[in-house]
């Protein structure tokens, strides 16, 4: 089975996959990336503003094979009730 490497860029943070993951084929690697992007976006759901998360699938030889981007923009509308945000 081929090994694929998943590099993630989330704003200023870059994570290079040095171990890789064995998957059946490139389509399985693409599916994996598309499944994990929303999870990554949800890890900092309280951040405000815009952010872009980019995931790149690389081959064992290091060649980029697939790239997916997820853009998330969040904003508070109006004057929120502090209690609704978990404050006092």
PDB file of N, CA and C in Angstrom:
ATOM      1  N   UNK A   1       0.845  -1.187   0.000  1.00  0.00           N
ATOM      2  CA  UNK A   1       0.000   0.000   0.000  1.00  0.00           C
ATOM      3  C   UNK A   1       0.885   1.244   0.000  1.00  0.00           C
ATOM      4  N   UNK A   2       0.497   2.257  -0.748  1.00  0.00           N
ATOM      5  CA  UNK A   2       1.301   3.483  -0.767  1.00  0.00           C
ATOM      6  C   UNK A   2       1.164   4.276   0.534  1.00  0.00           C
ATOM      7  N   UNK A   3       2.179   5.047   0.830  1.00  0.00           N
ATOM      8  CA  UNK A   3       2.187   5.909   2.015  1.00  0.00           C
ATOM      9  C   UNK A   3       2.010   7.352   1.545  1.00  0.00           C
ATOM     10  N   UNK A   4       1.098   8.057   2.213  1.00  0.00           N
ATOM     11  CA  UNK A   4       0.816   9.451   1.896  1.00  0.00           C
ATOM     12  C   UNK A   4       1.142  10.312   3.111  1.00  0.00           C
ATOM     13  N   UNK A   5       1.567  11.537   2.848  1.00  0.00           N
ATOM     14  CA  UNK A   5       1.945  12.469   3.899  1.00  0.00           C
ATOM     15  C   UNK A   5       1.008  13.664   3.847  1.00  0.00           C
ATOM     16  N   UNK A   6       0.561  14.108   5.022  1.00  0.00           N
ATOM     17  CA  UNK A   6      -0.438  15.165   5.131  1.00  0.00           C
ATOM     18  C   UNK A   6       0.167  16.373   5.842  1.00  0.00           C
ATOM     19  N   UNK A   7       0.406  17.435   5.112  1.00  0.00           N
ATOM     20  CA  UNK A   7       0.945  18.665   5.683  1.00  0.00           C
ATOM     21  C   UNK A   7      -0.200  19.643   5.889  1.00  0.00           C
ATOM     22  N   UNK A   8      -0.228  20.281   7.063  1.00  0.00           N
ATOM     23  CA  UNK A   8      -1.318  21.188   7.411  1.00  0.00           C
ATOM     24  C   UNK A   8      -0.752  22.579   7.678  1.00  0.00           C
ATOM     25  N   UNK A   9      -1.365  23.575   7.065  1.00  0.00           N
ATOM     26  CA  UNK A   9      -1.044  24.975   7.360  1.00  0.00           C
ATOM     27  C   UNK A   9      -2.320  25.620   7.881  1.00  0.00           C
ATOM     28  N   UNK A  10      -2.242  26.119   9.096  1.00  0.00           N
ATOM     29  CA  UNK A  10      -3.380  26.767   9.745  1.00  0.00           C
ATOM     30  C   UNK A  10      -2.901  28.138  10.214  1.00  0.00           C
ATOM     31  N   UNK A  11      -3.122  29.135   9.382  1.00  0.00           N
ATOM     32  CA  UNK A  11      -2.606  30.468   9.704  1.00  0.00           C
ATOM     33  C   UNK A  11      -1.088  30.450   9.676  1.00  0.00           C
ATOM     34  N   UNK A  12      -0.480  30.806  10.795  1.00  0.00           N
ATOM     35  CA  UNK A  12       0.989  30.844  10.885  1.00  0.00           C
ATOM     36  C   UNK A  12       1.586  29.489  11.254  1.00  0.00           C
ATOM     37  N   UNK A  13       0.759  28.536  11.618  1.00  0.00           N
ATOM     38  CA  UNK A  13       1.266  27.220  12.032  1.00  0.00           C
ATOM     39  C   UNK A  13       1.366  26.284  10.841  1.00  0.00           C
ATOM     40  N   UNK A  14       2.518  25.653  10.715  1.00  0.00           N
ATOM     41  CA  UNK A  14       2.752  24.675   9.652  1.00  0.00           C
ATOM     42  C   UNK A  14       3.146  23.364  10.314  1.00  0.00           C
ATOM     43  N   UNK A  15       2.456  22.303   9.966  1.00  0.00           N
ATOM     44  CA  UNK A  15       2.783  20.984  10.489  1.00  0.00           C
ATOM     45  C   UNK A  15       3.122  20.085   9.313  1.00  0.00           C
ATOM     46  N   UNK A  16       4.367  19.622   9.264  1.00  0.00           N
ATOM     47  CA  UNK A  16       4.799  18.706   8.211  1.00  0.00           C
ATOM     48  C   UNK A  16       4.704  17.283   8.733  1.00  0.00           C
ATOM     49  N   UNK A  17       4.023  16.446   8.009  1.00  0.00           N
ATOM     50  CA  UNK A  17       3.873  15.035   8.365  1.00  0.00           C
ATOM     51  C   UNK A  17       5.165  14.309   7.997  1.00  0.00           C
ATOM     52  N   UNK A  18       5.850  13.791   8.999  1.00  0.00           N
ATOM     53  CA  UNK A  18       7.105  13.087   8.753  1.00  0.00           C
ATOM     54  C   UNK A  18       6.945  11.572   8.783  1.00  0.00           C
ATOM     55  N   UNK A  19       5.775  11.093   9.245  1.00  0.00           N
ATOM     56  CA  UNK A  19       5.548   9.649   9.349  1.00  0.00           C
ATOM     57  C   UNK A  19       4.734   9.091   8.193  1.00  0.00           C
ATOM     58  N   UNK A  20       3.731   9.829   7.765  1.00  0.00           N
ATOM     59  CA  UNK A  20       2.866   9.356   6.690  1.00  0.00           C
ATOM     60  C   UNK A  20       1.860   8.328   7.168  1.00  0.00           C
ATOM     61  N   UNK A  21       0.948   7.991   6.271  1.00  0.00           N
ATOM     62  CA  UNK A  21      -0.115   7.028   6.545  1.00  0.00           C
ATOM     63  C   UNK A  21      -0.292   6.153   5.321  1.00  0.00           C
ATOM     64  N   UNK A  22      -0.368   4.855   5.552  1.00  0.00           N
ATOM     65  CA  UNK A  22      -0.618   3.938   4.439  1.00  0.00           C
ATOM     66  C   UNK A  22      -2.107   3.921   4.133  1.00  0.00           C
ATOM     67  N   UNK A  23      -2.431   4.153   2.879  1.00  0.00           N
ATOM     68  CA  UNK A  23      -3.821   4.135   2.426  1.00  0.00           C
ATOM     69  C   UNK A  23      -3.883   3.420   1.084  1.00  0.00           C
ATOM     70  N   UNK A  24      -5.078   2.981   0.728  1.00  0.00           N
ATOM     71  CA  UNK A  24      -5.259   2.181  -0.485  1.00  0.00           C
ATOM     72  C   UNK A  24      -4.814   2.909  -1.751  1.00  0.00           C
ATOM     73  N   UNK A  25      -5.158   4.208  -1.847  1.00  0.00           N
ATOM     74  CA  UNK A  25      -4.842   4.952  -3.069  1.00  0.00           C
ATOM     75  C   UNK A  25      -4.995   6.448  -2.817  1.00  0.00           C
ATOM     76  N   UNK A  26      -4.747   7.237  -3.852  1.00  0.00           N
ATOM     77  CA  UNK A  26      -4.833   8.689  -3.721  1.00  0.00           C
ATOM     78  C   UNK A  26      -6.243   9.134  -3.354  1.00  0.00           C
ATOM     79  N   UNK A  27      -7.264   8.480  -3.892  1.00  0.00           N
ATOM     80  CA  UNK A  27      -8.637   8.867  -3.559  1.00  0.00           C
ATOM     81  C   UNK A  27      -8.898   8.718  -2.062  1.00  0.00           C
ATOM     82  N   UNK A  28      -8.382   7.659  -1.453  1.00  0.00           N
ATOM     83  CA  UNK A  28      -8.538   7.468  -0.008  1.00  0.00           C
ATOM     84  C   UNK A  28      -7.825   8.581   0.759  1.00  0.00           C
ATOM     85  N   UNK A  29      -6.670   9.012   0.264  1.00  0.00           N
ATOM     86  CA  UNK A  29      -5.938  10.104   0.906  1.00  0.00           C
ATOM     87  C   UNK A  29      -6.718  11.413   0.791  1.00  0.00           C
ATOM     88  N   UNK A  30      -7.302  11.669  -0.364  1.00  0.00           N
ATOM     89  CA  UNK A  30      -8.120  12.874  -0.564  1.00  0.00           C
ATOM     90  C   UNK A  30      -9.329  12.858   0.360  1.00  0.00           C
ATOM     91  N   UNK A  31      -9.979  11.714   0.470  1.00  0.00           N
ATOM     92  CA  UNK A  31     -11.134  11.579   1.358  1.00  0.00           C
ATOM     93  C   UNK A  31     -10.743  11.854   2.806  1.00  0.00           C
ATOM     94  N   UNK A  32      -9.571  11.376   3.202  1.00  0.00           N
ATOM     95  CA  UNK A  32      -9.074  11.585   4.567  1.00  0.00           C
ATOM     96  C   UNK A  32      -8.888  13.077   4.848  1.00  0.00           C
ATOM     97  N   UNK A  33      -8.286  13.784   3.921  1.00  0.00           N
ATOM     98  CA  UNK A  33      -8.071  15.230   4.082  1.00  0.00           C
ATOM     99  C   UNK A  33      -9.405  15.957   4.201  1.00  0.00           C
ATOM    100  N   UNK A  34     -10.342  15.643   3.334  1.00  0.00           N
ATOM    101  CA  UNK A  34     -11.630  16.332   3.353  1.00  0.00           C
ATOM    102  C   UNK A  34     -12.416  16.041   4.624  1.00  0.00           C
ATOM    103  N   UNK A  35     -12.192  14.884   5.226  1.00  0.00           N
ATOM    104  CA  UNK A  35     -12.871  14.548   6.478  1.00  0.00           C
ATOM    105  C   UNK A  35     -12.259  15.280   7.673  1.00  0.00           C
ATOM    106  N   UNK A  36     -10.955  15.519   7.648  1.00  0.00           N
ATOM    107  CA  UNK A  36     -10.280  16.098   8.809  1.00  0.00           C
ATOM    108  C   UNK A  36     -10.302  17.631   8.833  1.00  0.00           C
ATOM    109  N   UNK A  37     -10.441  18.286   7.699  1.00  0.00           N
ATOM    110  CA  UNK A  37     -10.424  19.756   7.680  1.00  0.00           C
ATOM    111  C   UNK A  37     -11.474  20.390   8.603  1.00  0.00           C
ATOM    112  N   UNK A  38     -12.734  19.961   8.589  1.00  0.00           N
ATOM    113  CA  UNK A  38     -13.704  20.566   9.508  1.00  0.00           C
ATOM    114  C   UNK A  38     -13.354  20.336  10.978  1.00  0.00           C
ATOM    115  N   UNK A  39     -12.742  19.201  11.285  1.00  0.00           N
ATOM    116  CA  UNK A  39     -12.327  18.924  12.660  1.00  0.00           C
ATOM    117  C   UNK A  39     -11.252  19.914  13.095  1.00  0.00           C
ATOM    118  N   UNK A  40     -10.296  20.161  12.226  1.00  0.00           N
ATOM    119  CA  UNK A  40      -9.240  21.134  12.532  1.00  0.00           C
ATOM    120  C   UNK A  40      -9.853  22.518  12.728  1.00  0.00           C
ATOM    121  N   UNK A  41     -10.782  22.889  11.869  1.00  0.00           N
ATOM    122  CA  UNK A  41     -11.428  24.202  11.974  1.00  0.00           C
ATOM    123  C   UNK A  41     -12.180  24.341  13.286  1.00  0.00           C
ATOM    124  N   UNK A  42     -12.761  23.262  13.776  1.00  0.00           N
ATOM    125  CA  UNK A  42     -13.532  23.302  15.014  1.00  0.00           C
ATOM    126  C   UNK A  42     -12.694  23.376  16.270  1.00  0.00           C
ATOM    127  N   UNK A  43     -11.390  23.120  16.170  1.00  0.00           N
ATOM    128  CA  UNK A  43     -10.552  23.128  17.370  1.00  0.00           C
ATOM    129  C   UNK A  43     -10.381  24.517  17.951  1.00  0.00           C
ATOM    130  N   UNK A  44     -10.576  25.539  17.167  1.00  0.00           N
ATOM    131  CA  UNK A  44     -10.454  26.911  17.655  1.00  0.00           C
ATOM    132  C   UNK A  44     -11.676  27.710  17.236  1.00  0.00           C
ATOM    133  N   UNK A  45     -12.837  27.127  17.467  1.00  0.00           N
ATOM    134  CA  UNK A  45     -14.081  27.759  17.026  1.00  0.00           C
ATOM    135  C   UNK A  45     -14.328  29.101  17.713  1.00  0.00           C
ATOM    136  N   UNK A  46     -13.698  29.334  18.870  1.00  0.00           N
ATOM    137  CA  UNK A  46     -13.924  30.594  19.579  1.00  0.00           C
ATOM    138  C   UNK A  46     -13.134  31.751  18.980  1.00  0.00           C
ATOM    139  N   UNK A  47     -12.166  31.465  18.104  1.00  0.00           N
ATOM    140  CA  UNK A  47     -11.408  32.559  17.485  1.00  0.00           C
ATOM    141  C   UNK A  47     -12.342  33.372  16.603  1.00  0.00           C
ATOM    142  N   UNK A  48     -12.086  34.641  16.557  1.00  0.00           N
ATOM    143  CA  UNK A  48     -12.902  35.533  15.734  1.00  0.00           C
ATOM    144  C   UNK A  48     -12.113  35.943  14.500  1.00  0.00           C
ATOM    145  N   UNK A  49     -12.823  36.206  13.439  1.00  0.00           N
ATOM    146  CA  UNK A  49     -12.183  36.672  12.218  1.00  0.00           C
ATOM    147  C   UNK A  49     -12.084  35.575  11.188  1.00  0.00           C
ATOM    148  N   UNK A  50     -11.187  35.784  10.241  1.00  0.00           N
ATOM    149  CA  UNK A  50     -11.042  34.841   9.131  1.00  0.00           C
ATOM    150  C   UNK A  50      -9.800  33.988   9.325  1.00  0.00           C
ATOM    151  N   UNK A  51      -9.895  32.755   8.911  1.00  0.00           N
ATOM    152  CA  UNK A  51      -8.728  31.883   8.896  1.00  0.00           C
ATOM    153  C   UNK A  51      -8.858  30.909   7.751  1.00  0.00           C
ATOM    154  N   UNK A  52      -7.727  30.478   7.263  1.00  0.00           N
ATOM    155  CA  UNK A  52      -7.702  29.515   6.168  1.00  0.00           C
ATOM    156  C   UNK A  52      -6.832  28.339   6.594  1.00  0.00           C
ATOM    157  N   UNK A  53      -7.349  27.156   6.383  1.00  0.00           N
ATOM    158  CA  UNK A  53      -6.613  25.934   6.683  1.00  0.00           C
ATOM    159  C   UNK A  53      -6.343  25.245   5.353  1.00  0.00           C
ATOM    160  N   UNK A  54      -5.088  24.904   5.121  1.00  0.00           N
ATOM    161  CA  UNK A  54      -4.689  24.268   3.871  1.00  0.00           C
ATOM    162  C   UNK A  54      -4.048  22.926   4.203  1.00  0.00           C
ATOM    163  N   UNK A  55      -4.543  21.881   3.570  1.00  0.00           N
ATOM    164  CA  UNK A  55      -3.975  20.543   3.740  1.00  0.00           C
ATOM    165  C   UNK A  55      -3.438  20.079   2.397  1.00  0.00           C
ATOM    166  N   UNK A  56      -2.194  19.627   2.401  1.00  0.00           N
ATOM    167  CA  UNK A  56      -1.554  19.138   1.183  1.00  0.00           C
ATOM    168  C   UNK A  56      -1.183  17.679   1.370  1.00  0.00           C
ATOM    169  N   UNK A  57      -1.546  16.860   0.401  1.00  0.00           N
ATOM    170  CA  UNK A  57      -1.169  15.443   0.406  1.00  0.00           C
ATOM    171  C   UNK A  57       0.078  15.306  -0.453  1.00  0.00           C
ATOM    172  N   UNK A  58       1.106  14.671   0.121  1.00  0.00           N
ATOM    173  CA  UNK A  58       2.343  14.421  -0.623  1.00  0.00           C
ATOM    174  C   UNK A  58       2.554  12.922  -0.802  1.00  0.00           C
ATOM    175  N   UNK A  59       3.280  12.583  -1.858  1.00  0.00           N
ATOM    176  CA  UNK A  59       3.660  11.190  -2.114  1.00  0.00           C
ATOM    177  C   UNK A  59       4.866  10.829  -1.251  1.00  0.00           C
ATOM    178  N   UNK A  60       5.241   9.555  -1.275  1.00  0.00           N
ATOM    179  CA  UNK A  60       6.430   9.115  -0.545  1.00  0.00           C
ATOM    180  C   UNK A  60       7.675   9.841  -1.032  1.00  0.00           C
ATOM    181  N   UNK A  61       7.690  10.222  -2.290  1.00  0.00           N
ATOM    182  CA  UNK A  61       8.823  10.955  -2.847  1.00  0.00           C
ATOM    183  C   UNK A  61       8.801  12.444  -2.546  1.00  0.00           C
ATOM    184  N   UNK A  62       7.734  12.921  -1.905  1.00  0.00           N
ATOM    185  CA  UNK A  62       7.629  14.326  -1.521  1.00  0.00           C
ATOM    186  C   UNK A  62       6.870  15.203  -2.495  1.00  0.00           C
ATOM    187  N   UNK A  63       6.392  14.637  -3.597  1.00  0.00           N
ATOM    188  CA  UNK A  63       5.664  15.435  -4.591  1.00  0.00           C
ATOM    189  C   UNK A  63       4.250  15.742  -4.102  1.00  0.00           C
ATOM    190  N   UNK A  64       3.806  17.005  -4.192  1.00  0.00           N
ATOM    191  CA  UNK A  64       2.425  17.322  -3.836  1.00  0.00           C
ATOM    192  C   UNK A  64       1.469  16.687  -4.845  1.00  0.00           C
ATOM    193  N   UNK A  65       0.411  16.051  -4.309  1.00  0.00           N
ATOM    194  CA  UNK A  65      -0.557  15.345  -5.151  1.00  0.00           C
ATOM    195  C   UNK A  65      -1.952  15.961  -5.109  1.00  0.00           C
ATOM    196  N   UNK A  66      -2.288  16.575  -3.974  1.00  0.00           N
ATOM    197  CA  UNK A  66      -3.651  17.080  -3.775  1.00  0.00           C
ATOM    198  C   UNK A  66      -3.586  18.172  -2.719  1.00  0.00           C
ATOM    199  N   UNK A  67      -4.408  19.204  -2.887  1.00  0.00           N
ATOM    200  CA  UNK A  67      -4.469  20.275  -1.892  1.00  0.00           C
ATOM    201  C   UNK A  67      -5.926  20.653  -1.686  1.00  0.00           C
ATOM    202  N   UNK A  68      -6.297  20.847  -0.432  1.00  0.00           N
ATOM    203  CA  UNK A  68      -7.648  21.293  -0.094  1.00  0.00           C
ATOM    204  C   UNK A  68      -7.534  22.493   0.833  1.00  0.00           C
ATOM    205  N   UNK A  69      -8.401  23.476   0.623  1.00  0.00           N
ATOM    206  CA  UNK A  69      -8.416  24.686   1.451  1.00  0.00           C
ATOM    207  C   UNK A  69      -9.799  24.839   2.071  1.00  0.00           C
ATOM    208  N   UNK A  70      -9.807  25.231   3.329  1.00  0.00           N
ATOM    209  CA  UNK A  70     -11.061  25.517   4.009  1.00  0.00           C
ATOM    210  C   UNK A  70     -10.940  26.904   4.619  1.00  0.00           C
ATOM    211  N   UNK A  71     -11.836  27.799   4.244  1.00  0.00           N
ATOM    212  CA  UNK A  71     -11.852  29.158   4.797  1.00  0.00           C
ATOM    213  C   UNK A  71     -13.003  29.266   5.775  1.00  0.00           C
ATOM    214  N   UNK A  72     -12.707  29.842   6.936  1.00  0.00           N
ATOM    215  CA  UNK A  72     -13.717  30.015   7.974  1.00  0.00           C
ATOM    216  C   UNK A  72     -13.692  31.474   8.407  1.00  0.00           C
ATOM    217  N   UNK A  73     -14.850  32.104   8.416  1.00  0.00           N
ATOM    218  CA  UNK A  73     -14.965  33.477   8.897  1.00  0.00           C
ATOM    219  C   UNK A  73     -16.024  33.499   9.981  1.00  0.00           C
ATOM    220  N   UNK A  74     -15.656  34.026  11.152  1.00  0.00           N
ATOM    221  CA  UNK A  74     -16.611  34.114  12.252  1.00  0.00           C
ATOM    222  C   UNK A  74     -16.716  35.559  12.709  1.00  0.00           C
ATOM    223  N   UNK A  75     -17.889  35.927  13.200  1.00  0.00           N
ATOM    224  CA  UNK A  75     -18.091  37.273  13.719  1.00  0.00           C
ATOM    225  C   UNK A  75     -19.254  37.278  14.690  1.00  0.00           C
ATOM    226  N   UNK A  76     -19.143  38.106  15.702  1.00  0.00           N
ATOM    227  CA  UNK A  76     -20.258  38.346  16.610  1.00  0.00           C
ATOM    228  C   UNK A  76     -21.090  39.466  16.011  1.00  0.00           C
ATOM    229  N   UNK A  77     -22.395  39.321  16.087  1.00  0.00           N
ATOM    230  CA  UNK A  77     -23.291  40.321  15.517  1.00  0.00           C
ATOM    231  C   UNK A  77     -24.018  41.015  16.659  1.00  0.00           C
ATOM    232  N   UNK A  78     -23.951  42.334  16.707  1.00  0.00           N
ATOM    233  CA  UNK A  78     -24.603  43.085  17.764  1.00  0.00           C
ATOM    234  C   UNK A  78     -23.817  43.024  19.063  1.00  0.00           C
ATOM    235  N   UNK A  79     -24.432  43.477  20.139  1.00  0.00           N
ATOM    236  CA  UNK A  79     -23.813  43.453  21.465  1.00  0.00           C
ATOM    237  C   UNK A  79     -24.256  42.181  22.172  1.00  0.00           C
ATOM    238  N   UNK A  80     -23.396  41.180  22.245  1.00  0.00           N
ATOM    239  CA  UNK A  80     -23.803  39.911  22.836  1.00  0.00           C
ATOM    240  C   UNK A  80     -23.956  39.995  24.349  1.00  0.00           C
ATOM    241  N   UNK A  81     -24.823  39.165  24.868  1.00  0.00           N
ATOM    242  CA  UNK A  81     -24.999  38.994  26.302  1.00  0.00           C
ATOM    243  C   UNK A  81     -23.775  38.234  26.817  1.00  0.00           C
ATOM    244  N   UNK A  82     -23.000  38.793  27.774  1.00  0.00           N
ATOM    245  CA  UNK A  82     -21.805  38.102  28.263  1.00  0.00           C
ATOM    246  C   UNK A  82     -22.094  36.692  28.765  1.00  0.00           C
ATOM    247  N   UNK A  83     -23.274  36.475  29.331  1.00  0.00           N
ATOM    248  CA  UNK A  83     -23.618  35.141  29.828  1.00  0.00           C
ATOM    249  C   UNK A  83     -23.702  34.137  28.685  1.00  0.00           C
ATOM    250  N   UNK A  84     -24.108  34.599  27.505  1.00  0.00           N
ATOM    251  CA  UNK A  84     -24.211  33.700  26.354  1.00  0.00           C
ATOM    252  C   UNK A  84     -22.838  33.254  25.881  1.00  0.00           C
ATOM    253  N   UNK A  85     -21.806  34.028  26.217  1.00  0.00           N
ATOM    254  CA  UNK A  85     -20.442  33.685  25.822  1.00  0.00           C
ATOM    255  C   UNK A  85     -19.692  32.963  26.930  1.00  0.00           C
ATOM    256  N   UNK A  86     -20.377  32.656  28.020  1.00  0.00           N
ATOM    257  CA  UNK A  86     -19.725  31.962  29.122  1.00  0.00           C
ATOM    258  C   UNK A  86     -19.073  32.915  30.106  1.00  0.00           C
ATOM    259  N   UNK A  87     -19.291  34.204  29.950  1.00  0.00           N
ATOM    260  CA  UNK A  87     -18.724  35.187  30.880  1.00  0.00           C
ATOM    261  C   UNK A  87     -19.733  35.558  31.937  1.00  0.00           C
ATOM    262  N   UNK A  88     -19.353  36.486  32.819  1.00  0.00           N
ATOM    263  CA  UNK A  88     -20.312  36.908  33.844  1.00  0.00           C
ATOM    264  C   UNK A  88     -20.765  38.320  33.628  1.00  0.00           C
TER     265      UNK A  88
END
